[in-house]
Structure formats: structure tokens, C-alpha cells
N, C-alpha and C. Protein backbone atom coordinates (compact mmCIF):
# COMPACT_ATOMS: atom_id res chain seq x y z
N MET A 1 -8.46 214.94 33.99
CA MET A 1 -7.05 214.75 34.26
C MET A 1 -6.63 213.37 33.74
N PRO A 2 -5.52 213.29 33.02
CA PRO A 2 -5.10 211.99 32.49
C PRO A 2 -4.65 211.04 33.60
N ARG A 3 -4.85 209.78 33.36
CA ARG A 3 -4.37 208.74 34.28
C ARG A 3 -3.13 208.12 33.68
N ILE A 4 -2.22 207.75 34.55
CA ILE A 4 -0.96 207.16 34.12
C ILE A 4 -0.93 205.70 34.56
N TYR A 5 -0.62 204.82 33.62
CA TYR A 5 -0.51 203.40 33.88
C TYR A 5 0.86 202.92 33.40
N LEU A 6 1.30 201.83 33.97
CA LEU A 6 2.53 201.21 33.52
C LEU A 6 2.20 199.88 32.87
N LYS A 7 2.76 199.65 31.70
CA LYS A 7 2.55 198.40 30.98
C LYS A 7 3.88 197.65 30.92
N LYS A 8 3.89 196.40 31.36
CA LYS A 8 5.11 195.62 31.36
C LYS A 8 5.51 195.28 29.93
N VAL A 9 6.77 195.50 29.62
CA VAL A 9 7.32 195.16 28.31
C VAL A 9 7.87 193.74 28.40
N ILE A 10 7.38 192.88 27.55
CA ILE A 10 7.78 191.47 27.55
C ILE A 10 8.99 191.30 26.62
N LEU A 11 10.05 190.74 27.18
CA LEU A 11 11.26 190.48 26.41
C LEU A 11 11.46 188.97 26.29
N SER A 12 11.60 188.50 25.08
CA SER A 12 11.81 187.06 24.88
C SER A 12 13.29 186.71 24.76
N LYS A 13 14.12 187.71 24.51
CA LYS A 13 15.56 187.46 24.36
C LYS A 13 16.15 186.94 25.67
N GLN A 14 16.95 185.90 25.55
CA GLN A 14 17.65 185.35 26.71
C GLN A 14 19.14 185.30 26.41
N VAL A 15 19.92 185.52 27.45
CA VAL A 15 21.37 185.50 27.32
C VAL A 15 21.91 184.50 28.34
N ARG A 16 22.86 183.69 27.91
CA ARG A 16 23.52 182.79 28.85
C ARG A 16 24.73 183.49 29.44
N ARG A 17 24.82 183.45 30.75
CA ARG A 17 25.89 184.16 31.45
C ARG A 17 27.28 183.74 30.92
N ALA A 18 27.47 182.49 30.70
CA ALA A 18 28.78 182.00 30.25
C ALA A 18 29.17 182.57 28.89
N ASP A 19 28.19 182.90 28.06
CA ASP A 19 28.48 183.39 26.72
C ASP A 19 29.16 184.76 26.71
N PHE A 20 28.95 185.58 27.74
CA PHE A 20 29.63 186.87 27.75
C PHE A 20 30.70 186.96 28.83
N LEU A 21 30.58 186.18 29.90
CA LEU A 21 31.60 186.24 30.95
C LEU A 21 32.94 185.69 30.47
N ARG A 22 32.93 184.81 29.49
CA ARG A 22 34.19 184.23 29.03
C ARG A 22 35.10 185.26 28.35
N PHE A 23 34.53 186.39 27.96
CA PHE A 23 35.33 187.44 27.30
C PHE A 23 35.91 188.45 28.29
N MET A 24 35.53 188.33 29.55
CA MET A 24 35.97 189.30 30.55
C MET A 24 37.21 188.82 31.28
N PRO A 25 38.11 189.74 31.60
CA PRO A 25 39.24 189.38 32.45
C PRO A 25 38.74 188.92 33.82
N ALA A 26 39.48 188.04 34.46
CA ALA A 26 39.04 187.42 35.72
C ALA A 26 38.68 188.45 36.79
N ARG A 27 39.47 189.50 36.91
CA ARG A 27 39.20 190.51 37.94
C ARG A 27 37.89 191.24 37.70
N GLN A 28 37.62 191.61 36.45
CA GLN A 28 36.37 192.29 36.12
C GLN A 28 35.18 191.35 36.28
N LYS A 29 35.35 190.10 35.91
CA LYS A 29 34.28 189.12 36.06
C LYS A 29 33.93 188.95 37.54
N LYS A 30 34.95 188.85 38.39
CA LYS A 30 34.74 188.71 39.83
C LYS A 30 33.99 189.91 40.38
N GLU A 31 34.37 191.11 39.96
CA GLU A 31 33.71 192.32 40.44
C GLU A 31 32.26 192.40 39.96
N LEU A 32 32.02 192.04 38.71
CA LEU A 32 30.66 192.05 38.17
C LEU A 32 29.76 191.09 38.95
N LEU A 33 30.25 189.89 39.18
CA LEU A 33 29.45 188.90 39.92
C LEU A 33 29.22 189.35 41.36
N LYS A 34 30.19 190.01 41.95
CA LYS A 34 30.04 190.54 43.31
C LYS A 34 28.95 191.61 43.34
N GLN A 35 28.99 192.52 42.40
CA GLN A 35 27.98 193.58 42.33
C GLN A 35 26.59 193.01 42.08
N ALA A 36 26.49 192.06 41.18
CA ALA A 36 25.20 191.44 40.86
C ALA A 36 24.64 190.69 42.07
N SER A 37 25.50 190.06 42.85
CA SER A 37 25.02 189.30 44.01
C SER A 37 24.37 190.23 45.04
N GLY A 38 24.79 191.48 45.07
CA GLY A 38 24.19 192.46 45.98
C GLY A 38 22.75 192.80 45.60
N LEU A 39 22.36 192.50 44.37
CA LEU A 39 20.99 192.79 43.92
C LEU A 39 20.09 191.56 43.95
N ARG A 40 20.65 190.41 44.29
CA ARG A 40 19.82 189.20 44.35
C ARG A 40 18.76 189.35 45.42
N GLY A 41 17.55 188.91 45.11
CA GLY A 41 16.44 189.02 46.04
C GLY A 41 15.73 190.36 45.97
N LYS A 42 16.24 191.24 45.14
CA LYS A 42 15.60 192.55 44.93
C LYS A 42 15.12 192.62 43.48
N ARG A 43 14.18 193.48 43.22
CA ARG A 43 13.66 193.63 41.86
C ARG A 43 14.02 195.03 41.36
N VAL A 44 14.57 195.08 40.16
CA VAL A 44 14.92 196.35 39.52
C VAL A 44 13.85 196.63 38.47
N ALA A 45 13.20 197.78 38.58
CA ALA A 45 12.17 198.17 37.62
C ALA A 45 12.69 199.35 36.79
N HIS A 46 12.74 199.15 35.49
CA HIS A 46 13.14 200.21 34.56
C HIS A 46 11.85 200.79 34.00
N ILE A 47 11.70 202.10 34.08
CA ILE A 47 10.49 202.75 33.59
C ILE A 47 10.90 203.73 32.50
N ASN A 48 10.26 203.59 31.34
CA ASN A 48 10.60 204.41 30.20
C ASN A 48 9.31 204.86 29.51
N ALA A 49 9.39 205.96 28.80
CA ALA A 49 8.21 206.51 28.14
C ALA A 49 7.68 205.62 27.02
N VAL A 50 8.57 204.90 26.36
CA VAL A 50 8.14 204.07 25.23
C VAL A 50 8.74 202.68 25.31
N ALA A 51 8.09 201.74 24.65
CA ALA A 51 8.58 200.36 24.64
C ALA A 51 9.43 200.06 23.41
N ASP A 52 9.34 200.90 22.40
CA ASP A 52 10.18 200.70 21.22
C ASP A 52 10.50 202.04 20.59
N GLY A 53 11.60 202.08 19.90
CA GLY A 53 12.07 203.32 19.32
C GLY A 53 12.82 204.15 20.35
N GLY A 54 13.87 204.77 19.92
CA GLY A 54 14.64 205.60 20.83
C GLY A 54 15.78 204.83 21.47
N GLY A 55 16.76 205.57 21.93
CA GLY A 55 17.97 204.98 22.48
C GLY A 55 17.77 204.20 23.76
N VAL A 56 16.96 204.72 24.69
CA VAL A 56 16.75 204.04 25.96
C VAL A 56 16.08 202.69 25.74
N ALA A 57 15.09 202.64 24.89
CA ALA A 57 14.40 201.38 24.60
C ALA A 57 15.36 200.36 24.02
N GLU A 58 16.25 200.78 23.14
CA GLU A 58 17.23 199.86 22.56
C GLU A 58 18.19 199.34 23.62
N ILE A 59 18.62 200.23 24.51
CA ILE A 59 19.54 199.81 25.58
C ILE A 59 18.86 198.82 26.51
N LEU A 60 17.62 199.12 26.94
CA LEU A 60 16.93 198.23 27.87
C LEU A 60 16.65 196.87 27.26
N ALA A 61 16.35 196.84 25.98
CA ALA A 61 16.08 195.56 25.32
C ALA A 61 17.31 194.65 25.36
N SER A 62 18.50 195.23 25.38
CA SER A 62 19.72 194.44 25.48
C SER A 62 20.17 194.24 26.92
N LEU A 63 20.06 195.28 27.73
CA LEU A 63 20.57 195.24 29.11
C LEU A 63 19.83 194.26 29.99
N ILE A 64 18.51 194.25 29.92
CA ILE A 64 17.71 193.43 30.84
C ILE A 64 18.02 191.94 30.71
N PRO A 65 18.16 191.37 29.52
CA PRO A 65 18.53 189.95 29.45
C PRO A 65 19.89 189.66 30.12
N TYR A 66 20.83 190.58 30.02
CA TYR A 66 22.12 190.39 30.68
C TYR A 66 21.96 190.42 32.19
N LEU A 67 21.18 191.39 32.69
CA LEU A 67 20.94 191.46 34.13
C LEU A 67 20.28 190.18 34.64
N ARG A 68 19.29 189.70 33.92
CA ARG A 68 18.59 188.48 34.32
C ARG A 68 19.54 187.28 34.34
N SER A 69 20.47 187.22 33.39
CA SER A 69 21.41 186.10 33.35
C SER A 69 22.33 186.12 34.56
N LEU A 70 22.50 187.28 35.18
CA LEU A 70 23.32 187.40 36.38
C LEU A 70 22.51 187.18 37.65
N GLY A 71 21.24 186.85 37.50
CA GLY A 71 20.39 186.60 38.66
C GLY A 71 19.71 187.82 39.22
N VAL A 72 19.74 188.93 38.48
CA VAL A 72 19.10 190.17 38.92
C VAL A 72 17.68 190.20 38.33
N GLU A 73 16.68 190.21 39.19
CA GLU A 73 15.29 190.29 38.71
C GLU A 73 15.08 191.69 38.15
N SER A 74 14.86 191.78 36.88
CA SER A 74 14.80 193.06 36.20
C SER A 74 13.63 193.08 35.23
N ASP A 75 12.78 194.09 35.36
CA ASP A 75 11.62 194.25 34.48
C ASP A 75 11.60 195.66 33.92
N TRP A 76 10.88 195.80 32.83
CA TRP A 76 10.79 197.08 32.12
C TRP A 76 9.33 197.41 31.93
N TYR A 77 8.98 198.65 32.23
CA TYR A 77 7.61 199.13 32.08
C TYR A 77 7.60 200.39 31.24
N SER A 78 6.62 200.49 30.35
CA SER A 78 6.44 201.72 29.58
C SER A 78 5.24 202.47 30.15
N ILE A 79 5.27 203.76 29.99
CA ILE A 79 4.23 204.63 30.54
C ILE A 79 3.09 204.75 29.54
N ILE A 80 1.87 204.54 30.02
CA ILE A 80 0.67 204.68 29.20
C ILE A 80 -0.17 205.81 29.80
N LEU A 81 -0.48 206.81 29.01
CA LEU A 81 -1.35 207.90 29.45
C LEU A 81 -2.74 207.68 28.88
N MET A 82 -3.73 207.75 29.75
CA MET A 82 -5.11 207.62 29.30
C MET A 82 -5.88 208.83 29.81
N SER A 83 -6.69 209.41 28.95
CA SER A 83 -7.47 210.56 29.37
C SER A 83 -8.65 210.11 30.23
N ALA A 84 -9.15 210.98 31.05
CA ALA A 84 -10.28 210.65 31.94
C ALA A 84 -11.52 210.28 31.16
N LYS A 85 -11.69 210.79 29.94
CA LYS A 85 -12.88 210.49 29.15
C LYS A 85 -12.97 209.01 28.78
N ASN A 86 -11.83 208.29 28.76
CA ASN A 86 -11.86 206.86 28.47
C ASN A 86 -12.56 206.07 29.56
N PHE A 87 -12.74 206.64 30.74
CA PHE A 87 -13.34 205.94 31.86
C PHE A 87 -14.75 206.41 32.19
N SER A 88 -15.30 207.30 31.37
CA SER A 88 -16.60 207.89 31.68
C SER A 88 -17.78 207.03 31.23
N LYS A 89 -17.56 205.99 30.47
CA LYS A 89 -18.65 205.16 29.95
C LYS A 89 -19.09 204.11 30.93
């Protein structure tokens, strides 16, 4: 039976909150910051089948730096399948 592992995807991209909040209308900015504050102290884990290629991977590579800039602890993990024979030695 295959074993399933999660491998953390390391993102080096960083976003400064001020760089994108300045383009938002005041009301939307206030609502975004309010919503983000509700996630402070919690960790959001995004789990995806692959770390690169595909639409979800592209979205997560951009989304997670924005979440982190808002103070939301956010990590991404890809699924690794290993067959049982890899552990028989």
C-alpha cells in the first residue's frame, strides 16, 4: 500500500503589504484587514498534488506571499506518494 507524505513548498517571494494596499479603496482595505486579523494566530495549510505546474500551483505561489504580508501564517504542502517497497530495505 502506498504511503502519503506532505512536503513543504518553500517560497522565497515576499510582498510588502503597502505595495498592494495602496491600490485598494479605503472601505475594501478596511474589510480585508479585518478579515485577515481574524486569522492571526492560526495557521493556514494549503495542500496540493503538485508544487509546480498547473493552475493551483501558480495561484498558491502568488497568494501565499500576500497572505503572509497580511500577518496570516500560510504554508503550502505538496503530496508525495511512496510505494511500500521503498521502505522494505
